[in-house]
């Protein structure tokens, strides 16, 4: 997908700022999920959850990089509308991984307590 850019108007409104903040919130949510997965993995003794937590920390770092790139793209003289290649696919994959980690952590802690 080629980047689609438009000239920045005098007052683009708050939409570019909200878009950049959304990427930052996504990174924060991934980091929190990583901490929860690591905690559940350490408590339940599940190496798979620990690995998922580490991977989620990596994706949180990648989301922080994308957030800073998007902030730069949306604050210049030319607004780059299209996010970096693969960013949306990566965030989707990380979100699915976080969901799987949550399900596995619940079943591991419930199953480990019996």
N, C-alpha and C. Protein backbone atom coordinates (compact mmCIF):
# COMPACT_ATOMS: atom_id res chain seq x y z
N UNK A 1 0.85 -1.16 0.00
CA UNK A 1 0.00 0.00 0.00
C UNK A 1 0.90 1.23 0.00
N UNK A 2 0.69 2.10 -0.97
CA UNK A 2 1.48 3.32 -1.06
C UNK A 2 0.95 4.35 -0.07
N UNK A 3 1.86 5.15 0.44
CA UNK A 3 1.46 6.18 1.40
C UNK A 3 0.67 7.26 0.68
N UNK A 4 -0.40 7.67 1.29
CA UNK A 4 -1.24 8.73 0.75
C UNK A 4 -1.01 9.97 1.58
N UNK A 5 -0.55 11.04 0.93
CA UNK A 5 -0.23 12.27 1.64
C UNK A 5 -1.06 13.42 1.10
N UNK A 6 -1.39 14.34 1.98
CA UNK A 6 -2.11 15.55 1.59
C UNK A 6 -1.40 16.74 2.21
N UNK A 7 -1.48 17.91 1.57
CA UNK A 7 -0.88 19.09 2.19
C UNK A 7 -1.60 19.45 3.49
N UNK A 8 -0.85 19.85 4.47
CA UNK A 8 -1.44 20.25 5.75
C UNK A 8 -2.10 21.61 5.59
N UNK A 9 -3.29 21.72 6.13
CA UNK A 9 -3.96 23.01 6.12
C UNK A 9 -3.47 23.82 7.31
N UNK A 10 -3.92 25.03 7.43
CA UNK A 10 -3.51 25.88 8.54
C UNK A 10 -3.89 25.29 9.89
N UNK A 11 -5.07 24.70 9.97
CA UNK A 11 -5.55 24.12 11.23
C UNK A 11 -6.18 22.76 10.94
N UNK A 12 -5.40 21.67 11.07
CA UNK A 12 -5.94 20.35 10.75
C UNK A 12 -6.91 19.82 11.81
N UNK A 13 -7.10 20.56 12.89
CA UNK A 13 -7.97 20.09 13.96
C UNK A 13 -7.24 19.12 14.87
N UNK A 14 -7.99 18.41 15.65
CA UNK A 14 -7.39 17.51 16.63
C UNK A 14 -7.27 16.07 16.13
N UNK A 15 -7.79 15.78 14.93
CA UNK A 15 -7.75 14.41 14.44
C UNK A 15 -6.33 13.82 14.38
N UNK A 16 -5.33 14.54 13.85
CA UNK A 16 -3.98 13.96 13.83
C UNK A 16 -3.46 13.65 15.24
N UNK A 17 -3.76 14.53 16.19
CA UNK A 17 -3.31 14.29 17.56
C UNK A 17 -4.02 13.07 18.17
N UNK A 18 -5.31 12.94 17.92
CA UNK A 18 -6.05 11.78 18.43
C UNK A 18 -5.53 10.49 17.82
N UNK A 19 -5.17 10.53 16.54
CA UNK A 19 -4.63 9.34 15.89
C UNK A 19 -3.30 8.93 16.52
N UNK A 20 -2.43 9.89 16.74
CA UNK A 20 -1.14 9.59 17.36
C UNK A 20 -1.32 9.07 18.78
N UNK A 21 -2.26 9.66 19.53
CA UNK A 21 -2.51 9.20 20.89
C UNK A 21 -3.10 7.79 20.92
N UNK A 22 -3.88 7.45 19.91
CA UNK A 22 -4.45 6.10 19.85
C UNK A 22 -3.35 5.05 19.73
N UNK A 23 -2.33 5.35 18.95
CA UNK A 23 -1.20 4.41 18.85
C UNK A 23 -0.48 4.29 20.19
N UNK A 24 -0.34 5.38 20.91
CA UNK A 24 0.31 5.34 22.23
C UNK A 24 -0.52 4.53 23.22
N UNK A 25 -1.84 4.69 23.19
CA UNK A 25 -2.70 3.89 24.07
C UNK A 25 -2.63 2.41 23.74
N UNK A 26 -2.52 2.09 22.46
CA UNK A 26 -2.37 0.69 22.05
C UNK A 26 -1.08 0.11 22.62
N UNK A 27 -0.01 0.87 22.54
CA UNK A 27 1.28 0.40 23.09
C UNK A 27 1.18 0.19 24.59
N UNK A 28 0.51 1.09 25.29
CA UNK A 28 0.34 0.95 26.74
C UNK A 28 -0.49 -0.29 27.07
N UNK A 29 -1.56 -0.51 26.32
CA UNK A 29 -2.40 -1.69 26.56
C UNK A 29 -1.61 -2.98 26.32
N UNK A 30 -0.78 -3.01 25.29
CA UNK A 30 0.05 -4.19 25.04
C UNK A 30 1.05 -4.42 26.17
N UNK A 31 1.63 -3.34 26.68
CA UNK A 31 2.59 -3.49 27.78
C UNK A 31 1.92 -4.02 29.04
N UNK A 32 0.71 -3.54 29.34
CA UNK A 32 -0.02 -4.03 30.51
C UNK A 32 -0.36 -5.51 30.33
N UNK A 33 -0.80 -5.89 29.14
CA UNK A 33 -1.09 -7.31 28.88
C UNK A 33 0.17 -8.16 29.00
N UNK A 34 1.31 -7.60 28.59
CA UNK A 34 2.56 -8.34 28.72
C UNK A 34 2.89 -8.58 30.19
N UNK A 35 2.71 -7.55 31.02
CA UNK A 35 2.95 -7.73 32.46
C UNK A 35 2.02 -8.77 33.07
N UNK A 36 0.76 -8.73 32.69
CA UNK A 36 -0.20 -9.71 33.22
C UNK A 36 0.15 -11.13 32.77
N UNK A 37 0.54 -11.29 31.50
CA UNK A 37 0.92 -12.61 31.01
C UNK A 37 2.17 -13.11 31.72
N UNK A 38 3.16 -12.23 31.93
CA UNK A 38 4.37 -12.63 32.65
C UNK A 38 4.05 -13.03 34.08
N UNK A 39 3.23 -12.26 34.74
CA UNK A 39 2.86 -12.57 36.13
C UNK A 39 2.14 -13.92 36.21
N UNK A 40 1.17 -14.12 35.33
CA UNK A 40 0.44 -15.38 35.34
C UNK A 40 1.36 -16.55 35.01
N UNK A 41 2.28 -16.34 34.08
CA UNK A 41 3.22 -17.39 33.72
C UNK A 41 4.16 -17.74 34.85
N UNK A 42 4.61 -16.73 35.58
CA UNK A 42 5.52 -16.99 36.70
C UNK A 42 4.79 -17.66 37.87
N UNK A 43 3.56 -17.24 38.13
CA UNK A 43 2.79 -17.82 39.23
C UNK A 43 2.40 -19.26 38.92
N UNK A 44 1.92 -19.51 37.69
CA UNK A 44 1.45 -20.84 37.31
C UNK A 44 2.59 -21.75 36.86
N UNK A 45 3.77 -21.20 36.67
CA UNK A 45 4.89 -22.00 36.19
C UNK A 45 4.71 -22.43 34.74
N UNK A 46 4.10 -21.57 33.93
CA UNK A 46 3.84 -21.85 32.52
C UNK A 46 4.87 -21.11 31.64
N UNK A 47 5.82 -21.82 31.08
CA UNK A 47 6.81 -21.15 30.23
C UNK A 47 6.20 -20.55 28.96
N UNK A 48 5.09 -21.11 28.49
CA UNK A 48 4.44 -20.56 27.31
C UNK A 48 3.93 -19.15 27.58
N UNK A 49 3.34 -18.94 28.75
CA UNK A 49 2.86 -17.60 29.11
C UNK A 49 4.01 -16.62 29.29
N UNK A 50 5.10 -17.09 29.83
CA UNK A 50 6.27 -16.21 29.97
C UNK A 50 6.77 -15.79 28.59
N UNK A 51 6.82 -16.74 27.66
CA UNK A 51 7.26 -16.42 26.30
C UNK A 51 6.30 -15.45 25.63
N UNK A 52 5.00 -15.66 25.83
CA UNK A 52 4.01 -14.75 25.25
C UNK A 52 4.17 -13.35 25.84
N UNK A 53 4.43 -13.26 27.14
CA UNK A 53 4.65 -11.96 27.77
C UNK A 53 5.85 -11.24 27.19
N UNK A 54 6.92 -11.97 26.95
CA UNK A 54 8.12 -11.37 26.36
C UNK A 54 7.83 -10.88 24.94
N UNK A 55 7.10 -11.69 24.17
CA UNK A 55 6.74 -11.29 22.80
C UNK A 55 5.85 -10.05 22.83
N UNK A 56 4.91 -10.01 23.78
CA UNK A 56 4.04 -8.85 23.89
C UNK A 56 4.82 -7.59 24.26
N UNK A 57 5.86 -7.73 25.09
CA UNK A 57 6.70 -6.57 25.39
C UNK A 57 7.39 -6.07 24.12
N UNK A 58 7.84 -7.00 23.29
CA UNK A 58 8.44 -6.62 22.02
C UNK A 58 7.47 -5.89 21.11
N UNK A 59 6.23 -6.39 21.07
CA UNK A 59 5.23 -5.72 20.24
C UNK A 59 4.84 -4.36 20.82
N UNK A 60 4.86 -4.24 22.14
CA UNK A 60 4.59 -2.94 22.76
C UNK A 60 5.67 -1.94 22.35
N UNK A 61 6.91 -2.39 22.33
CA UNK A 61 8.00 -1.53 21.88
C UNK A 61 7.84 -1.12 20.42
N UNK A 62 7.41 -2.07 19.58
CA UNK A 62 7.17 -1.76 18.17
C UNK A 62 6.02 -0.76 18.04
N UNK A 63 4.99 -0.91 18.86
CA UNK A 63 3.87 0.03 18.81
C UNK A 63 4.30 1.43 19.25
N UNK A 64 5.23 1.51 20.18
CA UNK A 64 5.76 2.81 20.59
C UNK A 64 6.52 3.47 19.44
N UNK A 65 7.28 2.67 18.70
CA UNK A 65 8.00 3.19 17.54
C UNK A 65 7.01 3.69 16.49
N UNK A 66 5.96 2.90 16.21
CA UNK A 66 4.95 3.31 15.25
C UNK A 66 4.26 4.59 15.72
N UNK A 67 3.99 4.69 17.02
CA UNK A 67 3.34 5.89 17.55
C UNK A 67 4.20 7.13 17.32
N UNK A 68 5.50 7.00 17.53
CA UNK A 68 6.36 8.16 17.32
C UNK A 68 6.47 8.51 15.84
N UNK A 69 6.50 7.49 14.98
CA UNK A 69 6.54 7.75 13.53
C UNK A 69 5.25 8.44 13.09
N UNK A 70 4.10 7.94 13.57
CA UNK A 70 2.82 8.54 13.20
C UNK A 70 2.73 9.98 13.72
N UNK A 71 3.24 10.23 14.91
CA UNK A 71 3.19 11.59 15.45
C UNK A 71 3.98 12.54 14.54
N UNK A 72 5.16 12.08 14.09
CA UNK A 72 5.96 12.90 13.18
C UNK A 72 5.27 13.09 11.84
N UNK A 73 4.66 12.00 11.33
CA UNK A 73 3.98 12.08 10.03
C UNK A 73 2.79 13.03 10.07
N UNK A 74 2.12 13.09 11.19
CA UNK A 74 0.90 13.89 11.28
C UNK A 74 1.14 15.31 11.76
N UNK A 75 2.38 15.67 12.09
CA UNK A 75 2.63 17.00 12.61
C UNK A 75 3.41 17.88 11.64
N UNK A 76 3.73 17.39 10.47
CA UNK A 76 4.53 18.18 9.54
C UNK A 76 3.70 19.03 8.60
N UNK A 77 4.37 19.53 7.56
CA UNK A 77 3.70 20.34 6.56
C UNK A 77 2.85 19.48 5.62
N UNK A 78 3.21 18.19 5.51
CA UNK A 78 2.46 17.26 4.68
C UNK A 78 1.97 16.14 5.59
N UNK A 79 0.66 15.95 5.63
CA UNK A 79 0.09 14.90 6.46
C UNK A 79 0.12 13.58 5.70
N UNK A 80 0.82 12.58 6.24
CA UNK A 80 0.84 11.25 5.64
C UNK A 80 -0.31 10.47 6.26
N UNK A 81 -1.33 10.23 5.47
CA UNK A 81 -2.55 9.61 5.98
C UNK A 81 -2.36 8.12 6.25
N UNK A 82 -1.63 7.44 5.40
CA UNK A 82 -1.46 5.99 5.50
C UNK A 82 -0.43 5.65 6.57
N UNK A 83 -0.74 4.74 7.50
CA UNK A 83 0.24 4.34 8.51
C UNK A 83 1.39 3.57 7.88
N UNK A 84 2.48 3.37 8.62
CA UNK A 84 3.62 2.63 8.08
C UNK A 84 3.19 1.23 7.62
N UNK A 85 3.85 0.69 6.58
CA UNK A 85 3.48 -0.63 6.07
C UNK A 85 3.55 -1.70 7.17
N UNK A 86 2.55 -2.51 7.25
CA UNK A 86 2.53 -3.60 8.21
C UNK A 86 2.11 -3.20 9.61
N UNK A 87 1.92 -1.91 9.87
CA UNK A 87 1.58 -1.48 11.24
C UNK A 87 0.22 -2.02 11.66
N UNK A 88 -0.77 -1.91 10.79
CA UNK A 88 -2.10 -2.38 11.16
C UNK A 88 -2.13 -3.90 11.30
N UNK A 89 -1.42 -4.60 10.43
CA UNK A 89 -1.34 -6.06 10.53
C UNK A 89 -0.63 -6.47 11.81
N UNK A 90 0.44 -5.76 12.15
CA UNK A 90 1.18 -6.06 13.37
C UNK A 90 0.35 -5.82 14.63
N UNK A 91 -0.39 -4.73 14.64
CA UNK A 91 -1.23 -4.43 15.81
C UNK A 91 -2.34 -5.47 15.93
N UNK A 92 -2.90 -5.88 14.80
CA UNK A 92 -3.94 -6.92 14.83
C UNK A 92 -3.38 -8.22 15.37
N UNK A 93 -2.20 -8.62 14.90
CA UNK A 93 -1.58 -9.86 15.39
C UNK A 93 -1.25 -9.76 16.88
N UNK A 94 -0.75 -8.61 17.31
CA UNK A 94 -0.42 -8.44 18.73
C UNK A 94 -1.67 -8.47 19.59
N UNK A 95 -2.76 -7.89 19.10
CA UNK A 95 -4.02 -7.92 19.85
C UNK A 95 -4.53 -9.34 19.98
N UNK A 96 -4.47 -10.10 18.90
CA UNK A 96 -4.90 -11.51 18.96
C UNK A 96 -4.02 -12.30 19.91
N UNK A 97 -2.71 -12.03 19.89
CA UNK A 97 -1.79 -12.71 20.80
C UNK A 97 -2.12 -12.36 22.25
N UNK A 98 -2.45 -11.10 22.51
CA UNK A 98 -2.82 -10.69 23.87
C UNK A 98 -4.10 -11.39 24.31
N UNK A 99 -5.05 -11.54 23.40
CA UNK A 99 -6.29 -12.25 23.74
C UNK A 99 -6.02 -13.71 24.06
N UNK A 100 -5.19 -14.35 23.26
CA UNK A 100 -4.84 -15.76 23.51
C UNK A 100 -4.11 -15.88 24.84
N UNK A 101 -3.21 -14.93 25.13
CA UNK A 101 -2.49 -14.96 26.40
C UNK A 101 -3.45 -14.84 27.57
N UNK A 102 -4.46 -13.98 27.43
CA UNK A 102 -5.45 -13.83 28.49
C UNK A 102 -6.23 -15.10 28.72
N UNK A 103 -6.64 -15.75 27.64
CA UNK A 103 -7.39 -17.00 27.77
C UNK A 103 -6.53 -18.09 28.39
N UNK A 104 -5.28 -18.20 27.92
CA UNK A 104 -4.38 -19.22 28.46
C UNK A 104 -4.07 -18.95 29.92
N UNK A 105 -3.89 -17.66 30.29
CA UNK A 105 -3.58 -17.36 31.69
C UNK A 105 -4.75 -17.68 32.60
N UNK A 106 -5.97 -17.46 32.14
CA UNK A 106 -7.13 -17.80 32.94
C UNK A 106 -7.25 -19.31 33.10
N UNK A 107 -7.08 -20.04 32.03
CA UNK A 107 -7.19 -21.50 32.13
C UNK A 107 -6.03 -22.10 32.90
N UNK A 108 -4.84 -21.50 32.82
CA UNK A 108 -3.68 -22.03 33.54
C UNK A 108 -3.83 -21.80 35.04
N UNK A 109 -4.31 -20.61 35.43
CA UNK A 109 -4.45 -20.34 36.85
C UNK A 109 -5.65 -21.08 37.46
N UNK A 110 -6.72 -21.25 36.68
CA UNK A 110 -7.88 -22.00 37.16
C UNK A 110 -7.54 -23.49 37.24
N UNK A 111 -6.87 -23.99 36.20
CA UNK A 111 -6.50 -25.40 36.17
C UNK A 111 -5.42 -25.73 37.18
N UNK A 112 -4.53 -24.77 37.46
CA UNK A 112 -3.45 -25.00 38.41
C UNK A 112 -3.91 -25.00 39.85
N UNK A 113 -5.06 -24.35 40.12
CA UNK A 113 -5.58 -24.26 41.49
C UNK A 113 -6.34 -25.48 41.94
N UNK A 114 -6.65 -26.41 41.02
CA UNK A 114 -7.45 -27.59 41.40
C UNK A 114 -6.60 -28.69 41.97
